[in-house]
Amino acid sequence: MAFTAIEAANSCITRSRNLLLASKKSENIDVRDDLVRSALVMAIGAMDSYMHWMVFQEITAVSKNAKLPKALAKLDIPFSDVAALADAMIEGRRAGKETRPWNALKNTAQKQLLYKTFQSFDQVQMAMSMAGVVDGWAKAAKVLNVGVADIKERLNPLVHRRNQIAHEGDILRSSRPRQLKFNDLNPDQVSLDVDWIASVIAAIESIR
């Protein structure tokens, strides 16, 4: 059975929770905060990974005669890759060999997807559209019994928090820094955030 998007997400969530558990062990006191930070980064990674796999699965479905979603049709493919695919098809035809253009196209599409990030509210909405999910946030919000705006207002700050950790080492910004300071960190809140992200992913999975 093929590997699925939800399996990718669940793997990341499990690892995130394991990092939180490790942060509570006395032998890890010196790296406790960094384990908590890593847990949040991994949880956001769960959303990103889930969306990437979801879109790739849609590409696979399209290759098997499924309808092409409009958002996916707009995915940029380098002309060099298209030219290489055309050359391979011509050479295969001349040699009397069967070519598999969809395999090459899927590989190219997957490569392009690696340049995209699907973490923030708008990015996830785009990914759902590419995967053929219509009104994804509205449907997921209904499952969660919250408003669409509620999801946006919680998800985007978490993504920003993730970026502070991943891109800036979680060092507190200051116009005139005199000493090293880190952004505030609440392990209990991070644990709640990890659970919330898992619930959002589960809600999206339920409406696909």
C-alpha atoms as a PDB file:
ATOM      1  CA  MET A   1       0.000   0.000   0.000  1.00  0.00           C
ATOM      2  CA  ALA A   2       1.325   3.460  -0.947  1.00  0.00           C
ATOM      3  CA  PHE A   3       2.669   5.817   1.705  1.00  0.00           C
ATOM      4  CA  THR A   4       0.076   8.471   2.517  1.00  0.00           C
ATOM      5  CA  ALA A   5       0.055  12.139   3.445  1.00  0.00           C
ATOM      6  CA  ILE A   6      -1.479  11.499   6.851  1.00  0.00           C
ATOM      7  CA  GLU A   7       1.245   8.963   7.639  1.00  0.00           C
ATOM      8  CA  ALA A   8       3.845  11.642   6.929  1.00  0.00           C
ATOM      9  CA  ALA A   9       2.041  14.100   9.195  1.00  0.00           C
ATOM     10  CA  ASN A  10       1.534  11.593  12.003  1.00  0.00           C
ATOM     11  CA  SER A  11       5.218  10.687  11.901  1.00  0.00           C
ATOM     12  CA  CYS A  12       6.169  14.330  12.425  1.00  0.00           C
ATOM     13  CA  ILE A  13       3.616  14.798  15.201  1.00  0.00           C
ATOM     14  CA  THR A  14       4.858  11.680  16.999  1.00  0.00           C
ATOM     15  CA  ARG A  15       8.446  12.907  16.802  1.00  0.00           C
ATOM     16  CA  SER A  16       7.344  16.317  18.047  1.00  0.00           C
ATOM     17  CA  ARG A  17       5.679  14.764  21.076  1.00  0.00           C
ATOM     18  CA  ASN A  18       8.747  12.611  21.703  1.00  0.00           C
ATOM     19  CA  LEU A  19      10.860  15.766  21.775  1.00  0.00           C
ATOM     20  CA  LEU A  20       8.506  17.245  24.365  1.00  0.00           C
ATOM     21  CA  LEU A  21       8.775  14.097  26.457  1.00  0.00           C
ATOM     22  CA  ALA A  22      12.555  14.217  26.216  1.00  0.00           C
ATOM     23  CA  SER A  23      12.528  17.847  27.369  1.00  0.00           C
ATOM     24  CA  LYS A  24      11.017  16.755  30.690  1.00  0.00           C
ATOM     25  CA  LYS A  25      13.852  14.377  31.554  1.00  0.00           C
ATOM     26  CA  SER A  26      16.333  15.633  34.120  1.00  0.00           C
ATOM     27  CA  GLU A  27      19.330  14.515  32.083  1.00  0.00           C
ATOM     28  CA  ASN A  28      18.239  16.873  29.308  1.00  0.00           C
ATOM     29  CA  ILE A  29      17.930  19.983  31.467  1.00  0.00           C
ATOM     30  CA  ASP A  30      20.734  21.781  29.599  1.00  0.00           C
ATOM     31  CA  VAL A  31      18.941  21.406  26.275  1.00  0.00           C
ATOM     32  CA  ARG A  32      15.373  21.454  27.556  1.00  0.00           C
ATOM     33  CA  ASP A  33      14.352  24.665  25.847  1.00  0.00           C
ATOM     34  CA  ASP A  34      15.892  23.666  22.532  1.00  0.00           C
ATOM     35  CA  LEU A  35      14.024  20.368  22.631  1.00  0.00           C
ATOM     36  CA  VAL A  36      10.788  22.312  23.133  1.00  0.00           C
ATOM     37  CA  ARG A  37      11.684  24.644  20.282  1.00  0.00           C
ATOM     38  CA  SER A  38      12.453  21.666  18.055  1.00  0.00           C
ATOM     39  CA  ALA A  39       9.086  20.150  18.948  1.00  0.00           C
ATOM     40  CA  LEU A  40       7.286  23.218  17.614  1.00  0.00           C
ATOM     41  CA  VAL A  41       9.371  23.258  14.438  1.00  0.00           C
ATOM     42  CA  MET A  42       8.599  19.573  13.881  1.00  0.00           C
ATOM     43  CA  ALA A  43       4.876  20.151  14.426  1.00  0.00           C
ATOM     44  CA  ILE A  44       4.789  22.874  11.776  1.00  0.00           C
ATOM     45  CA  GLY A  45       6.805  20.486   9.635  1.00  0.00           C
ATOM     46  CA  ALA A  46       3.944  18.019  10.013  1.00  0.00           C
ATOM     47  CA  MET A  47       1.605  20.446   8.254  1.00  0.00           C
ATOM     48  CA  ASP A  48       4.169  21.182   5.551  1.00  0.00           C
ATOM     49  CA  SER A  49       4.942  17.518   4.946  1.00  0.00           C
ATOM     50  CA  TYR A  50       1.256  16.607   4.938  1.00  0.00           C
ATOM     51  CA  MET A  51       0.489  19.200   2.286  1.00  0.00           C
ATOM     52  CA  HIS A  52       3.425  18.241   0.086  1.00  0.00           C
ATOM     53  CA  TRP A  53       2.407  14.593   0.128  1.00  0.00           C
ATOM     54  CA  MET A  54      -1.228  15.493  -0.484  1.00  0.00           C
ATOM     55  CA  VAL A  55      -0.355  17.512  -3.589  1.00  0.00           C
ATOM     56  CA  PHE A  56       1.982  14.803  -4.855  1.00  0.00           C
ATOM     57  CA  GLN A  57      -0.775  12.213  -4.409  1.00  0.00           C
ATOM     58  CA  GLU A  58      -3.051  14.433  -6.490  1.00  0.00           C
ATOM     59  CA  ILE A  59      -0.421  14.540  -9.236  1.00  0.00           C
ATOM     60  CA  THR A  60      -0.343  10.747  -9.162  1.00  0.00           C
ATOM     61  CA  ALA A  61      -4.150  10.645  -9.394  1.00  0.00           C
ATOM     62  CA  VAL A  62      -4.106  13.029 -12.364  1.00  0.00           C
ATOM     63  CA  SER A  63      -1.634  10.745 -14.110  1.00  0.00           C
ATOM     64  CA  LYS A  64      -4.287   8.033 -13.821  1.00  0.00           C
ATOM     65  CA  ASN A  65      -6.889  10.116 -15.665  1.00  0.00           C
ATOM     66  CA  ALA A  66      -8.237  12.091 -12.724  1.00  0.00           C
ATOM     67  CA  LYS A  67      -9.384  15.681 -13.303  1.00  0.00           C
ATOM     68  CA  LEU A  68      -6.625  18.293 -13.064  1.00  0.00           C
ATOM     69  CA  PRO A  69      -7.331  20.910 -10.344  1.00  0.00           C
ATOM     70  CA  LYS A  70      -6.982  24.501 -11.605  1.00  0.00           C
ATOM     71  CA  ALA A  71      -4.456  25.434  -8.916  1.00  0.00           C
ATOM     72  CA  LEU A  72      -2.292  22.436  -9.770  1.00  0.00           C
ATOM     73  CA  ALA A  73      -2.449  23.332 -13.458  1.00  0.00           C
ATOM     74  CA  LYS A  74      -0.663  26.581 -12.573  1.00  0.00           C
ATOM     75  CA  LEU A  75       2.378  24.823 -11.084  1.00  0.00           C
ATOM     76  CA  ASP A  76       5.496  26.214 -12.756  1.00  0.00           C
ATOM     77  CA  ILE A  77       7.548  23.625 -14.630  1.00  0.00           C
ATOM     78  CA  PRO A  78      10.951  24.698 -16.058  1.00  0.00           C
ATOM     79  CA  PHE A  79      11.050  24.639 -19.852  1.00  0.00           C
ATOM     80  CA  SER A  80      14.307  22.679 -19.666  1.00  0.00           C
ATOM     81  CA  ASP A  81      12.470  19.827 -17.948  1.00  0.00           C
ATOM     82  CA  VAL A  82       9.672  19.891 -20.516  1.00  0.00           C
ATOM     83  CA  ALA A  83      12.247  19.870 -23.327  1.00  0.00           C
ATOM     84  CA  ALA A  84      14.062  16.921 -21.744  1.00  0.00           C
ATOM     85  CA  LEU A  85      10.763  15.043 -21.495  1.00  0.00           C
ATOM     86  CA  ALA A  86       9.982  15.739 -25.154  1.00  0.00           C
ATOM     87  CA  ASP A  87      13.443  14.565 -26.220  1.00  0.00           C
ATOM     88  CA  ALA A  88      13.073  11.367 -24.203  1.00  0.00           C
ATOM     89  CA  MET A  89       9.722  10.629 -25.839  1.00  0.00           C
ATOM     90  CA  ILE A  90      11.141  11.193 -29.328  1.00  0.00           C
ATOM     91  CA  GLU A  91      14.160   9.009 -28.640  1.00  0.00           C
ATOM     92  CA  GLY A  92      11.968   6.301 -27.171  1.00  0.00           C
ATOM     93  CA  ARG A  93       9.684   6.342 -30.185  1.00  0.00           C
ATOM     94  CA  ARG A  94      12.644   6.055 -32.558  1.00  0.00           C
ATOM     95  CA  ALA A  95      14.069   3.165 -30.568  1.00  0.00           C
ATOM     96  CA  GLY A  96      10.712   1.440 -30.320  1.00  0.00           C
ATOM     97  CA  LYS A  97      10.776   1.658 -26.541  1.00  0.00           C
ATOM     98  CA  GLU A  98       7.874   2.483 -24.269  1.00  0.00           C
ATOM     99  CA  THR A  99       8.302   5.815 -22.514  1.00  0.00           C
ATOM    100  CA  ARG A 100       6.728   6.821 -19.220  1.00  0.00           C
ATOM    101  CA  PRO A 101       6.188  10.574 -19.557  1.00  0.00           C
ATOM    102  CA  TRP A 102       4.037  10.805 -16.441  1.00  0.00           C
ATOM    103  CA  ASN A 103       6.802   9.367 -14.281  1.00  0.00           C
ATOM    104  CA  ALA A 104       9.190  12.044 -15.520  1.00  0.00           C
ATOM    105  CA  LEU A 105       6.549  14.734 -15.089  1.00  0.00           C
ATOM    106  CA  LYS A 106       5.762  13.625 -11.528  1.00  0.00           C
ATOM    107  CA  ASN A 107       9.457  13.745 -10.644  1.00  0.00           C
ATOM    108  CA  THR A 108       9.738  17.242 -12.089  1.00  0.00           C
ATOM    109  CA  ALA A 109       6.620  18.404 -10.257  1.00  0.00           C
ATOM    110  CA  GLN A 110       7.857  16.945  -6.988  1.00  0.00           C
ATOM    111  CA  LYS A 111      11.162  18.763  -7.438  1.00  0.00           C
ATOM    112  CA  GLN A 112       9.316  22.054  -7.935  1.00  0.00           C
ATOM    113  CA  LEU A 113       7.149  21.407  -4.877  1.00  0.00           C
ATOM    114  CA  LEU A 114      10.287  21.204  -2.749  1.00  0.00           C
ATOM    115  CA  TYR A 115      10.792  24.912  -3.389  1.00  0.00           C
ATOM    116  CA  LYS A 116       7.348  25.675  -1.968  1.00  0.00           C
ATOM    117  CA  THR A 117       6.367  26.008   1.674  1.00  0.00           C
ATOM    118  CA  PHE A 118       2.912  24.956   2.863  1.00  0.00           C
ATOM    119  CA  GLN A 119       2.737  26.178   6.460  1.00  0.00           C
ATOM    120  CA  SER A 120       0.800  29.424   6.801  1.00  0.00           C
ATOM    121  CA  PHE A 121      -2.957  29.783   6.401  1.00  0.00           C
ATOM    122  CA  ASP A 122      -2.757  31.033   2.808  1.00  0.00           C
ATOM    123  CA  GLN A 123      -0.068  28.528   1.832  1.00  0.00           C
ATOM    124  CA  VAL A 124      -2.087  25.616   3.171  1.00  0.00           C
ATOM    125  CA  GLN A 125      -5.153  26.920   1.365  1.00  0.00           C
ATOM    126  CA  MET A 126      -3.178  26.927  -1.892  1.00  0.00           C
ATOM    127  CA  ALA A 127      -1.964  23.375  -1.254  1.00  0.00           C
ATOM    128  CA  MET A 128      -5.501  22.159  -0.619  1.00  0.00           C
ATOM    129  CA  SER A 129      -6.615  23.780  -3.872  1.00  0.00           C
ATOM    130  CA  MET A 130      -3.751  22.108  -5.723  1.00  0.00           C
ATOM    131  CA  ALA A 131      -4.884  18.808  -4.228  1.00  0.00           C
ATOM    132  CA  GLY A 132      -8.429  19.358  -5.458  1.00  0.00           C
ATOM    133  CA  VAL A 133      -9.916  20.194  -2.050  1.00  0.00           C
ATOM    134  CA  VAL A 134     -12.573  22.889  -2.522  1.00  0.00           C
ATOM    135  CA  ASP A 135     -13.355  25.279   0.367  1.00  0.00           C
ATOM    136  CA  GLY A 136     -10.878  23.361   2.478  1.00  0.00           C
ATOM    137  CA  TRP A 137     -10.598  25.789   5.363  1.00  0.00           C
ATOM    138  CA  ALA A 138     -14.346  26.290   5.642  1.00  0.00           C
ATOM    139  CA  LYS A 139     -14.902  22.542   5.792  1.00  0.00           C
ATOM    140  CA  ALA A 140     -12.058  21.945   8.249  1.00  0.00           C
ATOM    141  CA  ALA A 141     -13.312  24.756  10.483  1.00  0.00           C
ATOM    142  CA  LYS A 142     -16.729  23.127  10.576  1.00  0.00           C
ATOM    143  CA  VAL A 143     -15.166  19.841  11.692  1.00  0.00           C
ATOM    144  CA  LEU A 144     -13.258  21.678  14.420  1.00  0.00           C
ATOM    145  CA  ASN A 145     -16.365  23.672  15.368  1.00  0.00           C
ATOM    146  CA  VAL A 146     -14.523  26.985  15.041  1.00  0.00           C
ATOM    147  CA  GLY A 147     -14.502  29.882  12.602  1.00  0.00           C
ATOM    148  CA  VAL A 148     -12.116  30.051   9.668  1.00  0.00           C
ATOM    149  CA  ALA A 149     -10.650  33.242  11.127  1.00  0.00           C
ATOM    150  CA  ASP A 150      -9.915  31.381  14.373  1.00  0.00           C
ATOM    151  CA  ILE A 151      -7.683  28.945  12.506  1.00  0.00           C
ATOM    152  CA  LYS A 152      -5.859  31.737  10.696  1.00  0.00           C
ATOM    153  CA  GLU A 153      -5.338  33.736  13.887  1.00  0.00           C
ATOM    154  CA  ARG A 154      -3.721  30.785  15.616  1.00  0.00           C
ATOM    155  CA  LEU A 155      -1.837  29.114  12.761  1.00  0.00           C
ATOM    156  CA  ASN A 156      -0.008  32.137  11.359  1.00  0.00           C
ATOM    157  CA  PRO A 157       1.563  33.204  14.690  1.00  0.00           C
ATOM    158  CA  LEU A 158       2.751  29.621  15.200  1.00  0.00           C
ATOM    159  CA  VAL A 159       4.396  29.672  11.780  1.00  0.00           C
ATOM    160  CA  HIS A 160       6.012  32.998  12.680  1.00  0.00           C
ATOM    161  CA  ARG A 161       7.219  31.464  15.948  1.00  0.00           C
ATOM    162  CA  ARG A 162       8.630  28.536  13.995  1.00  0.00           C
ATOM    163  CA  ASN A 163      10.519  30.948  11.734  1.00  0.00           C
ATOM    164  CA  GLN A 164      11.988  32.764  14.735  1.00  0.00           C
ATOM    165  CA  ILE A 165      13.431  29.439  15.861  1.00  0.00           C
ATOM    166  CA  ALA A 166      14.487  27.994  12.515  1.00  0.00           C
ATOM    167  CA  HIS A 167      15.836  31.179  10.925  1.00  0.00           C
ATOM    168  CA  GLU A 168      16.985  33.304  13.866  1.00  0.00           C
ATOM    169  CA  GLY A 169      17.909  30.789  16.557  1.00  0.00           C
ATOM    170  CA  ASP A 170      15.029  32.175  18.649  1.00  0.00           C
ATOM    171  CA  ILE A 171      17.236  35.095  19.668  1.00  0.00           C
ATOM    172  CA  LEU A 172      15.254  38.109  20.813  1.00  0.00           C
ATOM    173  CA  ARG A 173      15.452  41.022  18.402  1.00  0.00           C
ATOM    174  CA  SER A 174      16.594  44.337  19.816  1.00  0.00           C
ATOM    175  CA  SER A 175      17.536  47.673  18.275  1.00  0.00           C
ATOM    176  CA  ARG A 176      20.543  47.906  20.587  1.00  0.00           C
ATOM    177  CA  PRO A 177      21.390  44.408  21.806  1.00  0.00           C
ATOM    178  CA  ARG A 178      23.792  44.289  24.740  1.00  0.00           C
ATOM    179  CA  GLN A 179      23.506  40.648  25.677  1.00  0.00           C
ATOM    180  CA  LEU A 180      22.084  37.407  24.347  1.00  0.00           C
ATOM    181  CA  LYS A 181      18.398  36.972  25.103  1.00  0.00           C
ATOM    182  CA  PHE A 182      15.885  34.484  23.793  1.00  0.00           C
ATOM    183  CA  ASN A 183      12.201  34.843  23.022  1.00  0.00           C
ATOM    184  CA  ASP A 184       9.810  33.709  25.743  1.00  0.00           C
ATOM    185  CA  LEU A 185       9.113  29.988  25.698  1.00  0.00           C
ATOM    186  CA  ASN A 186       6.273  28.145  27.433  1.00  0.00           C
ATOM    187  CA  PRO A 187       6.616  24.338  27.182  1.00  0.00           C
ATOM    188  CA  ASP A 188       3.014  23.761  28.258  1.00  0.00           C
ATOM    189  CA  GLN A 189       1.736  26.092  25.549  1.00  0.00           C
ATOM    190  CA  VAL A 190       3.923  24.416  22.935  1.00  0.00           C
ATOM    191  CA  SER A 191       2.425  21.072  23.938  1.00  0.00           C
ATOM    192  CA  LEU A 192      -1.063  22.504  23.434  1.00  0.00           C
ATOM    193  CA  ASP A 193       0.001  23.950  20.088  1.00  0.00           C
ATOM    194  CA  VAL A 194       1.331  20.595  18.901  1.00  0.00           C
ATOM    195  CA  ASP A 195      -1.983  18.953  19.787  1.00  0.00           C
ATOM    196  CA  TRP A 196      -3.869  21.730  18.010  1.00  0.00           C
ATOM    197  CA  ILE A 197      -1.839  21.373  14.825  1.00  0.00           C
ATOM    198  CA  ALA A 198      -2.480  17.628  14.918  1.00  0.00           C
ATOM    199  CA  SER A 199      -6.212  18.290  15.230  1.00  0.00           C
ATOM    200  CA  VAL A 200      -6.184  20.682  12.263  1.00  0.00           C
ATOM    201  CA  ILE A 201      -4.399  18.135  10.101  1.00  0.00           C
ATOM    202  CA  ALA A 202      -6.876  15.448  11.173  1.00  0.00           C
ATOM    203  CA  ALA A 203      -9.763  17.767  10.286  1.00  0.00           C
ATOM    204  CA  ILE A 204      -8.356  18.395   6.811  1.00  0.00           C
ATOM    205  CA  GLU A 205      -7.833  14.672   6.315  1.00  0.00           C
ATOM    206  CA  SER A 206     -11.465  14.014   7.215  1.00  0.00           C
ATOM    207  CA  ILE A 207     -12.825  16.330   4.501  1.00  0.00           C
ATOM    208  CA  ARG A 208     -10.638  15.170   1.609  1.00  0.00           C
END
